[in-house]
Each structure stands twice: as C-alpha cells, then as structure tokens.
Amino acid sequence: IASGPHWAFLCIFLIIASTAIVGIETQLSTTHAMNQALSSNSNEITTTPAPDFNSNVFQILEFSFVIWMVVELLVNAYAQRWDFFCGREWRWNAFDVTVVALSLLLQILQFAS
C-alpha cells in the first residue's frame, strides 16, 4: 500500500494541503496584526477592525498534519524495512525523519508554552 499510486497521490495531496493551510494562516495572522497595529495608532487612518484571529483552528490542523507525517513515516519504514535505512533512498528517508522530528519538537514546545 505504501508504494502504490494511491498512496503517493494521498501523500502529495496532504503536503499541498498543509502548505496551503500554512499560507492561509500566515496571511490571516499578518492581516490581523497589521489591522491591530493600525487601529491602535490614533494618528493613522483607522481601518475596519478585522474579526479576532483565532489560531486554535490552525493549531489543530497543524497537529493533524504532524500526526499524518508520523503515520506516513511509520508506514513507509514498515513497508521498506531495512531499505528504509540502507536502501537507495535512505537520504530522503533521513530527511523525512528530520522533518518529522523537528515538527514534533515544535508541537511539543508550542504545547508546553
């Protein structure tokens, strides 16, 4: 299952979706911060206040994508067995492990703060 076209399509789709969510979150949080900064400065023209930015939805989505990355990594490791560490694509697998580990670390640090 981890080497078929459906698996590859699902992985690519989720990577693109994750990237889109990060872009949307960045745009909304930046717009919110700019509107707050402009509305707090009385010398500037006030803009229509933006609705409060709620990052909880994005935190849940980000956590979901991290869980998916862990599942994907484990499925790939199980499917490739020793080739995961010693095979032709071990460098990509090492990169994946690094990305997932850093993502997990960021989630843990965000949760702890």
PDB file of N, CA and C in Angstrom:
ATOM      1  N   ILE A   1       0.813  -1.201   0.000  1.00  0.00           N
ATOM      2  CA  ILE A   1       0.000   0.000   0.000  1.00  0.00           C
ATOM      3  C   ILE A   1       0.859   1.269   0.000  1.00  0.00           C
ATOM      4  N   ALA A   2       2.021   1.230   0.639  1.00  0.00           N
ATOM      5  CA  ALA A   2       2.851   2.426   0.771  1.00  0.00           C
ATOM      6  C   ALA A   2       3.638   2.746  -0.490  1.00  0.00           C
ATOM      7  N   SER A   3       3.537   1.914  -1.506  1.00  0.00           N
ATOM      8  CA  SER A   3       4.291   2.192  -2.718  1.00  0.00           C
ATOM      9  C   SER A   3       3.390   2.378  -3.935  1.00  0.00           C
ATOM     10  N   GLY A   4       2.098   2.277  -3.757  1.00  0.00           N
ATOM     11  CA  GLY A   4       1.177   2.398  -4.877  1.00  0.00           C
ATOM     12  C   GLY A   4       0.872   3.837  -5.245  1.00  0.00           C
ATOM     13  N   PRO A   5       0.244   4.041  -6.390  1.00  0.00           N
ATOM     14  CA  PRO A   5      -0.064   5.399  -6.839  1.00  0.00           C
ATOM     15  C   PRO A   5      -1.087   6.108  -5.952  1.00  0.00           C
ATOM     16  N   HIS A   6      -1.992   5.351  -5.338  1.00  0.00           N
ATOM     17  CA  HIS A   6      -2.984   5.984  -4.461  1.00  0.00           C
ATOM     18  C   HIS A   6      -2.305   6.568  -3.226  1.00  0.00           C
ATOM     19  N   TRP A   7      -1.358   5.822  -2.687  1.00  0.00           N
ATOM     20  CA  TRP A   7      -0.609   6.295  -1.511  1.00  0.00           C
ATOM     21  C   TRP A   7       0.181   7.549  -1.861  1.00  0.00           C
ATOM     22  N   ALA A   8       0.846   7.533  -3.006  1.00  0.00           N
ATOM     23  CA  ALA A   8       1.639   8.685  -3.441  1.00  0.00           C
ATOM     24  C   ALA A   8       0.738   9.902  -3.646  1.00  0.00           C
ATOM     25  N   PHE A   9      -0.426   9.692  -4.282  1.00  0.00           N
ATOM     26  CA  PHE A   9      -1.363  10.796  -4.504  1.00  0.00           C
ATOM     27  C   PHE A   9      -1.848  11.359  -3.176  1.00  0.00           C
ATOM     28  N   LEU A  10      -2.185  10.487  -2.227  1.00  0.00           N
ATOM     29  CA  LEU A  10      -2.642  10.944  -0.919  1.00  0.00           C
ATOM     30  C   LEU A  10      -1.560  11.750  -0.210  1.00  0.00           C
ATOM     31  N   CYS A  11      -0.332  11.274  -0.249  1.00  0.00           N
ATOM     32  CA  CYS A  11       0.778  11.985   0.391  1.00  0.00           C
ATOM     33  C   CYS A  11       1.005  13.349  -0.244  1.00  0.00           C
ATOM     34  N   ILE A  12       1.008  13.399  -1.566  1.00  0.00           N
ATOM     35  CA  ILE A  12       1.198  14.668  -2.270  1.00  0.00           C
ATOM     36  C   ILE A  12       0.056  15.625  -1.969  1.00  0.00           C
ATOM     37  N   PHE A  13      -1.164  15.126  -1.975  1.00  0.00           N
ATOM     38  CA  PHE A  13      -2.329  15.966  -1.676  1.00  0.00           C
ATOM     39  C   PHE A  13      -2.227  16.572  -0.278  1.00  0.00           C
ATOM     40  N   LEU A  14      -1.836  15.767   0.700  1.00  0.00           N
ATOM     41  CA  LEU A  14      -1.743  16.267   2.068  1.00  0.00           C
ATOM     42  C   LEU A  14      -0.587  17.247   2.246  1.00  0.00           C
ATOM     43  N   ILE A  15       0.496  17.060   1.517  1.00  0.00           N
ATOM     44  CA  ILE A  15       1.595  18.026   1.569  1.00  0.00           C
ATOM     45  C   ILE A  15       1.145  19.367   0.995  1.00  0.00           C
ATOM     46  N   ILE A  16       0.435  19.329  -0.124  1.00  0.00           N
ATOM     47  CA  ILE A  16      -0.070  20.564  -0.732  1.00  0.00           C
ATOM     48  C   ILE A  16      -1.102  21.221   0.175  1.00  0.00           C
ATOM     49  N   ALA A  17      -1.988  20.432   0.765  1.00  0.00           N
ATOM     50  CA  ALA A  17      -2.990  20.980   1.678  1.00  0.00           C
ATOM     51  C   ALA A  17      -2.330  21.627   2.893  1.00  0.00           C
ATOM     52  N   SER A  18      -1.313  20.982   3.444  1.00  0.00           N
ATOM     53  CA  SER A  18      -0.590  21.538   4.588  1.00  0.00           C
ATOM     54  C   SER A  18       0.066  22.864   4.221  1.00  0.00           C
ATOM     55  N   THR A  19       0.671  22.910   3.042  1.00  0.00           N
ATOM     56  CA  THR A  19       1.306  24.142   2.580  1.00  0.00           C
ATOM     57  C   THR A  19       0.282  25.252   2.405  1.00  0.00           C
ATOM     58  N   ALA A  20      -0.867  24.926   1.844  1.00  0.00           N
ATOM     59  CA  ALA A  20      -1.923  25.916   1.663  1.00  0.00           C
ATOM     60  C   ALA A  20      -2.430  26.435   3.007  1.00  0.00           C
ATOM     61  N   ILE A  21      -2.600  25.549   3.971  1.00  0.00           N
ATOM     62  CA  ILE A  21      -3.070  25.948   5.302  1.00  0.00           C
ATOM     63  C   ILE A  21      -2.061  26.888   5.958  1.00  0.00           C
ATOM     64  N   VAL A  22      -0.774  26.587   5.836  1.00  0.00           N
ATOM     65  CA  VAL A  22       0.259  27.469   6.402  1.00  0.00           C
ATOM     66  C   VAL A  22       0.194  28.840   5.739  1.00  0.00           C
ATOM     67  N   GLY A  23       0.009  28.878   4.431  1.00  0.00           N
ATOM     68  CA  GLY A  23      -0.110  30.153   3.725  1.00  0.00           C
ATOM     69  C   GLY A  23      -1.320  30.946   4.165  1.00  0.00           C
ATOM     70  N   ILE A  24      -2.448  30.288   4.313  1.00  0.00           N
ATOM     71  CA  ILE A  24      -3.672  30.960   4.758  1.00  0.00           C
ATOM     72  C   ILE A  24      -3.500  31.482   6.181  1.00  0.00           C
ATOM     73  N   GLU A  25      -2.938  30.661   7.046  1.00  0.00           N
ATOM     74  CA  GLU A  25      -2.707  31.086   8.432  1.00  0.00           C
ATOM     75  C   GLU A  25      -1.783  32.297   8.485  1.00  0.00           C
ATOM     76  N   THR A  26      -0.728  32.273   7.699  1.00  0.00           N
ATOM     77  CA  THR A  26       0.219  33.393   7.675  1.00  0.00           C
ATOM     78  C   THR A  26      -0.474  34.664   7.191  1.00  0.00           C
ATOM     79  N   GLN A  27      -1.263  34.559   6.133  1.00  0.00           N
ATOM     80  CA  GLN A  27      -1.971  35.724   5.605  1.00  0.00           C
ATOM     81  C   GLN A  27      -2.950  36.280   6.633  1.00  0.00           C
ATOM     82  N   LEU A  28      -3.745  35.430   7.246  1.00  0.00           N
ATOM     83  CA  LEU A  28      -4.739  35.896   8.207  1.00  0.00           C
ATOM     84  C   LEU A  28      -4.099  36.492   9.455  1.00  0.00           C
ATOM     85  N   SER A  29      -3.062  35.850   9.971  1.00  0.00           N
ATOM     86  CA  SER A  29      -2.433  36.375  11.185  1.00  0.00           C
ATOM     87  C   SER A  29      -1.706  37.683  10.902  1.00  0.00           C
ATOM     88  N   THR A  30      -1.096  37.807   9.737  1.00  0.00           N
ATOM     89  CA  THR A  30      -0.420  39.056   9.378  1.00  0.00           C
ATOM     90  C   THR A  30      -1.434  40.181   9.196  1.00  0.00           C
ATOM     91  N   THR A  31      -2.518  39.896   8.496  1.00  0.00           N
ATOM     92  CA  THR A  31      -3.568  40.898   8.307  1.00  0.00           C
ATOM     93  C   THR A  31      -4.135  41.334   9.648  1.00  0.00           C
ATOM     94  N   HIS A  32      -4.369  40.387  10.533  1.00  0.00           N
ATOM     95  CA  HIS A  32      -4.905  40.701  11.852  1.00  0.00           C
ATOM     96  C   HIS A  32      -3.929  41.583  12.633  1.00  0.00           C
ATOM     97  N   ALA A  33      -2.651  41.234  12.616  1.00  0.00           N
ATOM     98  CA  ALA A  33      -1.649  42.016  13.341  1.00  0.00           C
ATOM     99  C   ALA A  33      -1.530  43.423  12.760  1.00  0.00           C
ATOM    100  N   MET A  34      -1.572  43.533  11.448  1.00  0.00           N
ATOM    101  CA  MET A  34      -1.496  44.861  10.813  1.00  0.00           C
ATOM    102  C   MET A  34      -2.712  45.708  11.164  1.00  0.00           C
ATOM    103  N   ASN A  35      -3.889  45.113  11.138  1.00  0.00           N
ATOM    104  CA  ASN A  35      -5.096  45.855  11.491  1.00  0.00           C
ATOM    105  C   ASN A  35      -5.066  46.310  12.942  1.00  0.00           C
ATOM    106  N   GLN A  36      -4.561  45.457  13.822  1.00  0.00           N
ATOM    107  CA  GLN A  36      -4.439  45.851  15.226  1.00  0.00           C
ATOM    108  C   GLN A  36      -3.462  46.999  15.389  1.00  0.00           C
ATOM    109  N   ALA A  37      -2.338  46.922  14.690  1.00  0.00           N
ATOM    110  CA  ALA A  37      -1.329  47.975  14.796  1.00  0.00           C
ATOM    111  C   ALA A  37      -1.862  49.291  14.240  1.00  0.00           C
ATOM    112  N   LEU A  38      -2.566  49.240  13.137  1.00  0.00           N
ATOM    113  CA  LEU A  38      -3.098  50.461  12.534  1.00  0.00           C
ATOM    114  C   LEU A  38      -4.225  51.061  13.356  1.00  0.00           C
ATOM    115  N   SER A  39      -5.051  50.212  13.948  1.00  0.00           N
ATOM    116  CA  SER A  39      -6.175  50.741  14.722  1.00  0.00           C
ATOM    117  C   SER A  39      -5.733  51.271  16.073  1.00  0.00           C
ATOM    118  N   SER A  40      -4.590  50.832  16.577  1.00  0.00           N
ATOM    119  CA  SER A  40      -4.114  51.333  17.868  1.00  0.00           C
ATOM    120  C   SER A  40      -3.374  52.654  17.735  1.00  0.00           C
ATOM    121  N   ASN A  41      -2.972  53.015  16.528  1.00  0.00           N
ATOM    122  CA  ASN A  41      -2.271  54.269  16.296  1.00  0.00           C
ATOM    123  C   ASN A  41      -3.310  55.316  15.899  1.00  0.00           C
ATOM    124  N   SER A  42      -3.553  56.272  16.766  1.00  0.00           N
ATOM    125  CA  SER A  42      -4.623  57.249  16.533  1.00  0.00           C
ATOM    126  C   SER A  42      -4.283  58.235  15.437  1.00  0.00           C
ATOM    127  N   ASN A  43      -3.027  58.396  15.060  1.00  0.00           N
ATOM    128  CA  ASN A  43      -2.644  59.332  14.013  1.00  0.00           C
ATOM    129  C   ASN A  43      -2.884  58.769  12.620  1.00  0.00           C
ATOM    130  N   GLU A  44      -3.043  57.485  12.513  1.00  0.00           N
ATOM    131  CA  GLU A  44      -3.252  56.837  11.219  1.00  0.00           C
ATOM    132  C   GLU A  44      -4.748  56.753  10.920  1.00  0.00           C
ATOM    133  N   ILE A  45      -5.051  56.568   9.661  1.00  0.00           N
ATOM    134  CA  ILE A  45      -6.433  56.354   9.254  1.00  0.00           C
ATOM    135  C   ILE A  45      -6.857  54.996   9.779  1.00  0.00           C
ATOM    136  N   THR A  46      -7.968  54.977  10.479  1.00  0.00           N
ATOM    137  CA  THR A  46      -8.415  53.700  11.040  1.00  0.00           C
ATOM    138  C   THR A  46      -9.089  52.875   9.963  1.00  0.00           C
ATOM    139  N   THR A  47      -8.834  51.618   9.993  1.00  0.00           N
ATOM    140  CA  THR A  47      -9.466  50.695   9.057  1.00  0.00           C
ATOM    141  C   THR A  47     -10.565  49.956   9.785  1.00  0.00           C
ATOM    142  N   THR A  48     -11.358  49.295   9.051  1.00  0.00           N
ATOM    143  CA  THR A  48     -12.402  48.488   9.654  1.00  0.00           C
ATOM    144  C   THR A  48     -11.735  47.382  10.456  1.00  0.00           C
ATOM    145  N   PRO A  49     -12.057  47.267  11.747  1.00  0.00           N
ATOM    146  CA  PRO A  49     -11.383  46.244  12.545  1.00  0.00           C
ATOM    147  C   PRO A  49     -11.704  44.848  12.026  1.00  0.00           C
ATOM    148  N   ALA A  50     -10.671  44.065  11.921  1.00  0.00           N
ATOM    149  CA  ALA A  50     -10.837  42.679  11.475  1.00  0.00           C
ATOM    150  C   ALA A  50     -11.386  41.847  12.622  1.00  0.00           C
ATOM    151  N   PRO A  51     -12.118  40.809  12.310  1.00  0.00           N
ATOM    152  CA  PRO A  51     -12.559  39.924  13.381  1.00  0.00           C
ATOM    153  C   PRO A  51     -11.344  39.315  14.063  1.00  0.00           C
ATOM    154  N   ASP A  52     -11.525  38.971  15.320  1.00  0.00           N
ATOM    155  CA  ASP A  52     -10.415  38.394  16.065  1.00  0.00           C
ATOM    156  C   ASP A  52      -9.893  37.157  15.349  1.00  0.00           C
ATOM    157  N   PHE A  53      -8.571  37.077  15.292  1.00  0.00           N
ATOM    158  CA  PHE A  53      -7.920  35.930  14.668  1.00  0.00           C
ATOM    159  C   PHE A  53      -7.834  34.815  15.693  1.00  0.00           C
ATOM    160  N   ASN A  54      -8.407  33.680  15.375  1.00  0.00           N
ATOM    161  CA  ASN A  54      -8.402  32.540  16.279  1.00  0.00           C
ATOM    162  C   ASN A  54      -7.448  31.491  15.723  1.00  0.00           C
ATOM    163  N   SER A  55      -6.311  31.354  16.372  1.00  0.00           N
ATOM    164  CA  SER A  55      -5.296  30.425  15.865  1.00  0.00           C
ATOM    165  C   SER A  55      -5.566  28.981  16.289  1.00  0.00           C
ATOM    166  N   ASN A  56      -6.578  28.742  17.109  1.00  0.00           N
ATOM    167  CA  ASN A  56      -6.853  27.375  17.580  1.00  0.00           C
ATOM    168  C   ASN A  56      -7.152  26.418  16.430  1.00  0.00           C
ATOM    169  N   VAL A  57      -7.902  26.882  15.449  1.00  0.00           N
ATOM    170  CA  VAL A  57      -8.238  26.033  14.306  1.00  0.00           C
ATOM    171  C   VAL A  57      -6.961  25.628  13.577  1.00  0.00           C
ATOM    172  N   PHE A  58      -6.062  26.581  13.397  1.00  0.00           N
ATOM    173  CA  PHE A  58      -4.819  26.291  12.687  1.00  0.00           C
ATOM    174  C   PHE A  58      -3.902  25.394  13.517  1.00  0.00           C
ATOM    175  N   GLN A  59      -3.931  25.538  14.826  1.00  0.00           N
ATOM    176  CA  GLN A  59      -3.128  24.665  15.681  1.00  0.00           C
ATOM    177  C   GLN A  59      -3.620  23.224  15.580  1.00  0.00           C
ATOM    178  N   ILE A  60      -4.924  23.048  15.543  1.00  0.00           N
ATOM    179  CA  ILE A  60      -5.495  21.703  15.407  1.00  0.00           C
ATOM    180  C   ILE A  60      -5.137  21.111  14.047  1.00  0.00           C
ATOM    181  N   LEU A  61      -5.254  21.923  12.999  1.00  0.00           N
ATOM    182  CA  LEU A  61      -4.891  21.440  11.665  1.00  0.00           C
ATOM    183  C   LEU A  61      -3.407  21.089  11.590  1.00  0.00           C
ATOM    184  N   GLU A  62      -2.567  21.938  12.149  1.00  0.00           N
ATOM    185  CA  GLU A  62      -1.128  21.679  12.140  1.00  0.00           C
ATOM    186  C   GLU A  62      -0.800  20.398  12.901  1.00  0.00           C
ATOM    187  N   PHE A  63      -1.444  20.207  14.045  1.00  0.00           N
ATOM    188  CA  PHE A  63      -1.239  18.979  14.817  1.00  0.00           C
ATOM    189  C   PHE A  63      -1.687  17.761  14.006  1.00  0.00           C
ATOM    190  N   SER A  64      -2.799  17.889  13.302  1.00  0.00           N
ATOM    191  CA  SER A  64      -3.297  16.786  12.467  1.00  0.00           C
ATOM    192  C   SER A  64      -2.301  16.437  11.368  1.00  0.00           C
ATOM    193  N   PHE A  65      -1.714  17.450  10.749  1.00  0.00           N
ATOM    194  CA  PHE A  65      -0.726  17.187   9.701  1.00  0.00           C
ATOM    195  C   PHE A  65       0.529  16.538  10.278  1.00  0.00           C
ATOM    196  N   VAL A  66       0.919  16.926  11.479  1.00  0.00           N
ATOM    197  CA  VAL A  66       2.088  16.299  12.109  1.00  0.00           C
ATOM    198  C   VAL A  66       1.792  14.834  12.407  1.00  0.00           C
ATOM    199  N   ILE A  67       0.604  14.554  12.903  1.00  0.00           N
ATOM    200  CA  ILE A  67       0.216  13.153  13.145  1.00  0.00           C
ATOM    201  C   ILE A  67       0.251  12.375  11.829  1.00  0.00           C
ATOM    202  N   TRP A  68      -0.258  12.984  10.766  1.00  0.00           N
ATOM    203  CA  TRP A  68      -0.218  12.320   9.465  1.00  0.00           C
ATOM    204  C   TRP A  68       1.229  12.039   9.050  1.00  0.00           C
ATOM    205  N   MET A  69       2.128  13.010   9.246  1.00  0.00           N
ATOM    206  CA  MET A  69       3.525  12.812   8.862  1.00  0.00           C
ATOM    207  C   MET A  69       4.149  11.656   9.636  1.00  0.00           C
ATOM    208  N   VAL A  70       3.793  11.525  10.906  1.00  0.00           N
ATOM    209  CA  VAL A  70       4.313  10.417  11.711  1.00  0.00           C
ATOM    210  C   VAL A  70       3.781   9.091  11.169  1.00  0.00           C
ATOM    211  N   VAL A  71       2.486   9.043  10.878  1.00  0.00           N
ATOM    212  CA  VAL A  71       1.892   7.815  10.329  1.00  0.00           C
ATOM    213  C   VAL A  71       2.525   7.465   8.988  1.00  0.00           C
ATOM    214  N   GLU A  72       2.685   8.463   8.132  1.00  0.00           N
ATOM    215  CA  GLU A  72       3.298   8.223   6.822  1.00  0.00           C
ATOM    216  C   GLU A  72       4.720   7.682   6.979  1.00  0.00           C
ATOM    217  N   LEU A  73       5.467   8.279   7.877  1.00  0.00           N
ATOM    218  CA  LEU A  73       6.843   7.844   8.119  1.00  0.00           C
ATOM    219  C   LEU A  73       6.882   6.397   8.617  1.00  0.00           C
ATOM    220  N   LEU A  74       6.005   6.068   9.559  1.00  0.00           N
ATOM    221  CA  LEU A  74       5.974   4.709  10.094  1.00  0.00           C
ATOM    222  C   LEU A  74       5.529   3.692   9.050  1.00  0.00           C
ATOM    223  N   VAL A  75       4.548   4.052   8.232  1.00  0.00           N
ATOM    224  CA  VAL A  75       4.096   3.141   7.171  1.00  0.00           C
ATOM    225  C   VAL A  75       5.208   2.913   6.159  1.00  0.00           C
ATOM    226  N   ASN A  76       5.886   3.988   5.784  1.00  0.00           N
ATOM    227  CA  ASN A  76       6.994   3.842   4.831  1.00  0.00           C
ATOM    228  C   ASN A  76       8.133   3.014   5.423  1.00  0.00           C
ATOM    229  N   ALA A  77       8.438   3.246   6.684  1.00  0.00           N
ATOM    230  CA  ALA A  77       9.505   2.472   7.331  1.00  0.00           C
ATOM    231  C   ALA A  77       9.118   0.991   7.393  1.00  0.00           C
ATOM    232  N   TYR A  78       7.861   0.715   7.727  1.00  0.00           N
ATOM    233  CA  TYR A  78       7.408  -0.670   7.782  1.00  0.00           C
ATOM    234  C   TYR A  78       7.443  -1.320   6.397  1.00  0.00           C
ATOM    235  N   ALA A  79       7.011  -0.584   5.386  1.00  0.00           N
ATOM    236  CA  ALA A  79       6.960  -1.142   4.032  1.00  0.00           C
ATOM    237  C   ALA A  79       8.361  -1.387   3.466  1.00  0.00           C
ATOM    238  N   GLN A  80       9.306  -0.513   3.793  1.00  0.00           N
ATOM    239  CA  GLN A  80      10.654  -0.629   3.228  1.00  0.00           C
ATOM    240  C   GLN A  80      11.585  -1.490   4.076  1.00  0.00           C
ATOM    241  N   ARG A  81      11.197  -1.696   5.324  1.00  0.00           N
ATOM    242  CA  ARG A  81      12.024  -2.480   6.259  1.00  0.00           C
ATOM    243  C   ARG A  81      13.442  -1.919   6.312  1.00  0.00           C
ATOM    244  N   TRP A  82      14.444  -2.765   6.100  1.00  0.00           N
ATOM    245  CA  TRP A  82      15.842  -2.324   6.201  1.00  0.00           C
ATOM    246  C   TRP A  82      16.223  -1.361   5.084  1.00  0.00           C
ATOM    247  N   ASP A  83      15.521  -1.436   3.967  1.00  0.00           N
ATOM    248  CA  ASP A  83      15.811  -0.498   2.876  1.00  0.00           C
ATOM    249  C   ASP A  83      15.522   0.946   3.284  1.00  0.00           C
ATOM    250  N   PHE A  84      14.693   1.118   4.289  1.00  0.00           N
ATOM    251  CA  PHE A  84      14.408   2.461   4.779  1.00  0.00           C
ATOM    252  C   PHE A  84      15.690   3.129   5.268  1.00  0.00           C
ATOM    253  N   PHE A  85      16.578   2.343   5.895  1.00  0.00           N
ATOM    254  CA  PHE A  85      17.818   2.877   6.449  1.00  0.00           C
ATOM    255  C   PHE A  85      19.015   2.672   5.528  1.00  0.00           C
ATOM    256  N   CYS A  86      18.979   1.618   4.738  1.00  0.00           N
ATOM    257  CA  CYS A  86      20.156   1.240   3.942  1.00  0.00           C
ATOM    258  C   CYS A  86      19.888   1.218   2.444  1.00  0.00           C
ATOM    259  N   GLY A  87      18.670   1.464   2.040  1.00  0.00           N
ATOM    260  CA  GLY A  87      18.316   1.350   0.624  1.00  0.00           C
ATOM    261  C   GLY A  87      18.757   2.542  -0.206  1.00  0.00           C
ATOM    262  N   ARG A  88      18.310   2.529  -1.417  1.00  0.00           N
ATOM    263  CA  ARG A  88      18.673   3.546  -2.406  1.00  0.00           C
ATOM    264  C   ARG A  88      18.205   4.944  -1.996  1.00  0.00           C
ATOM    265  N   GLU A  89      17.084   5.042  -1.319  1.00  0.00           N
ATOM    266  CA  GLU A  89      16.510   6.344  -0.959  1.00  0.00           C
ATOM    267  C   GLU A  89      16.679   6.669   0.520  1.00  0.00           C
ATOM    268  N   TRP A  90      17.735   6.163   1.125  1.00  0.00           N
ATOM    269  CA  TRP A  90      17.922   6.383   2.558  1.00  0.00           C
ATOM    270  C   TRP A  90      18.097   7.864   2.890  1.00  0.00           C
ATOM    271  N   ARG A  91      18.652   8.640   1.969  1.00  0.00           N
ATOM    272  CA  ARG A  91      18.840  10.080   2.233  1.00  0.00           C
ATOM    273  C   ARG A  91      17.497  10.796   2.333  1.00  0.00           C
ATOM    274  N   TRP A  92      16.566  10.460   1.437  1.00  0.00           N
ATOM    275  CA  TRP A  92      15.232  11.045   1.519  1.00  0.00           C
ATOM    276  C   TRP A  92      14.540  10.623   2.815  1.00  0.00           C
ATOM    277  N   ASN A  93      14.720   9.384   3.184  1.00  0.00           N
ATOM    278  CA  ASN A  93      14.126   8.888   4.422  1.00  0.00           C
ATOM    279  C   ASN A  93      14.726   9.598   5.629  1.00  0.00           C
ATOM    280  N   ALA A  94      16.029   9.836   5.608  1.00  0.00           N
ATOM    281  CA  ALA A  94      16.670  10.577   6.703  1.00  0.00           C
ATOM    282  C   ALA A  94      16.131  12.005   6.752  1.00  0.00           C
ATOM    283  N   PHE A  95      15.922  12.605   5.588  1.00  0.00           N
ATOM    284  CA  PHE A  95      15.328  13.943   5.525  1.00  0.00           C
ATOM    285  C   PHE A  95      13.919  13.927   6.118  1.00  0.00           C
ATOM    286  N   ASP A  96      13.128  12.923   5.748  1.00  0.00           N
ATOM    287  CA  ASP A  96      11.766  12.793   6.290  1.00  0.00           C
ATOM    288  C   ASP A  96      11.786  12.649   7.810  1.00  0.00           C
ATOM    289  N   VAL A  97      12.685  11.821   8.317  1.00  0.00           N
ATOM    290  CA  VAL A  97      12.800  11.638   9.767  1.00  0.00           C
ATOM    291  C   VAL A  97      13.154  12.965  10.437  1.00  0.00           C
ATOM    292  N   THR A  98      14.058  13.731   9.834  1.00  0.00           N
ATOM    293  CA  THR A  98      14.453  15.030  10.390  1.00  0.00           C
ATOM    294  C   THR A  98      13.277  16.002  10.404  1.00  0.00           C
ATOM    295  N   VAL A  99      12.557  16.082   9.297  1.00  0.00           N
ATOM    296  CA  VAL A  99      11.404  16.986   9.216  1.00  0.00           C
ATOM    297  C   VAL A  99      10.341  16.603  10.240  1.00  0.00           C
ATOM    298  N   VAL A 100      10.049  15.329  10.354  1.00  0.00           N
ATOM    299  CA  VAL A 100       9.032  14.871  11.305  1.00  0.00           C
ATOM    300  C   VAL A 100       9.488  15.118  12.741  1.00  0.00           C
ATOM    301  N   ALA A 101      10.739  14.855  13.023  1.00  0.00           N
ATOM    302  CA  ALA A 101      11.256  15.081  14.378  1.00  0.00           C
ATOM    303  C   ALA A 101      11.194  16.566  14.747  1.00  0.00           C
ATOM    304  N   LEU A 102      11.581  17.431  13.828  1.00  0.00           N
ATOM    305  CA  LEU A 102      11.508  18.872  14.096  1.00  0.00           C
ATOM    306  C   LEU A 102      10.063  19.341  14.251  1.00  0.00           C
ATOM    307  N   SER A 103       9.180  18.805  13.443  1.00  0.00           N
ATOM    308  CA  SER A 103       7.760  19.164  13.549  1.00  0.00           C
ATOM    309  C   SER A 103       7.186  18.726  14.891  1.00  0.00           C
ATOM    310  N   LEU A 104       7.541  17.518  15.314  1.00  0.00           N
ATOM    311  CA  LEU A 104       7.088  17.037  16.624  1.00  0.00           C
ATOM    312  C   LEU A 104       7.650  17.901  17.745  1.00  0.00           C
ATOM    313  N   LEU A 105       8.925  18.260  17.642  1.00  0.00           N
ATOM    314  CA  LEU A 105       9.544  19.116  18.647  1.00  0.00           C
ATOM    315  C   LEU A 105       8.847  20.469  18.723  1.00  0.00           C
ATOM    316  N   LEU A 106       8.531  21.051  17.581  1.00  0.00           N
ATOM    317  CA  LEU A 106       7.818  22.331  17.574  1.00  0.00           C
ATOM    318  C   LEU A 106       6.435  22.218  18.190  1.00  0.00           C
ATOM    319  N   GLN A 107       5.740  21.118  17.907  1.00  0.00           N
ATOM    320  CA  GLN A 107       4.420  20.903  18.516  1.00  0.00           C
ATOM    321  C   GLN A 107       4.520  20.766  20.021  1.00  0.00           C
ATOM    322  N   ILE A 108       5.540  20.033  20.487  1.00  0.00           N
ATOM    323  CA  ILE A 108       5.725  19.858  21.929  1.00  0.00           C
ATOM    324  C   ILE A 108       6.047  21.191  22.593  1.00  0.00           C
ATOM    325  N   LEU A 109       6.937  21.954  21.992  1.00  0.00           N
ATOM    326  CA  LEU A 109       7.297  23.261  22.545  1.00  0.00           C
ATOM    327  C   LEU A 109       6.113  24.221  22.533  1.00  0.00           C
ATOM    328  N   GLN A 110       5.326  24.184  21.485  1.00  0.00           N
ATOM    329  CA  GLN A 110       4.140  25.046  21.410  1.00  0.00           C
ATOM    330  C   GLN A 110       3.123  24.645  22.472  1.00  0.00           C
ATOM    331  N   PHE A 111       2.954  23.362  22.666  1.00  0.00           N
ATOM    332  CA  PHE A 111       2.012  22.877  23.681  1.00  0.00           C
ATOM    333  C   PHE A 111       2.489  23.241  25.086  1.00  0.00           C
ATOM    334  N   ALA A 112       3.797  23.180  25.309  1.00  0.00           N
ATOM    335  CA  ALA A 112       4.353  23.450  26.634  1.00  0.00           C
ATOM    336  C   ALA A 112       4.324  24.924  26.992  1.00  0.00           C
ATOM    337  N   SER A 113       4.297  25.784  25.987  1.00  0.00           N
ATOM    338  CA  SER A 113       4.325  27.224  26.291  1.00  0.00           C
ATOM    339  C   SER A 113       2.959  27.802  26.547  1.00  0.00           C
TER     340      SER A 113
END
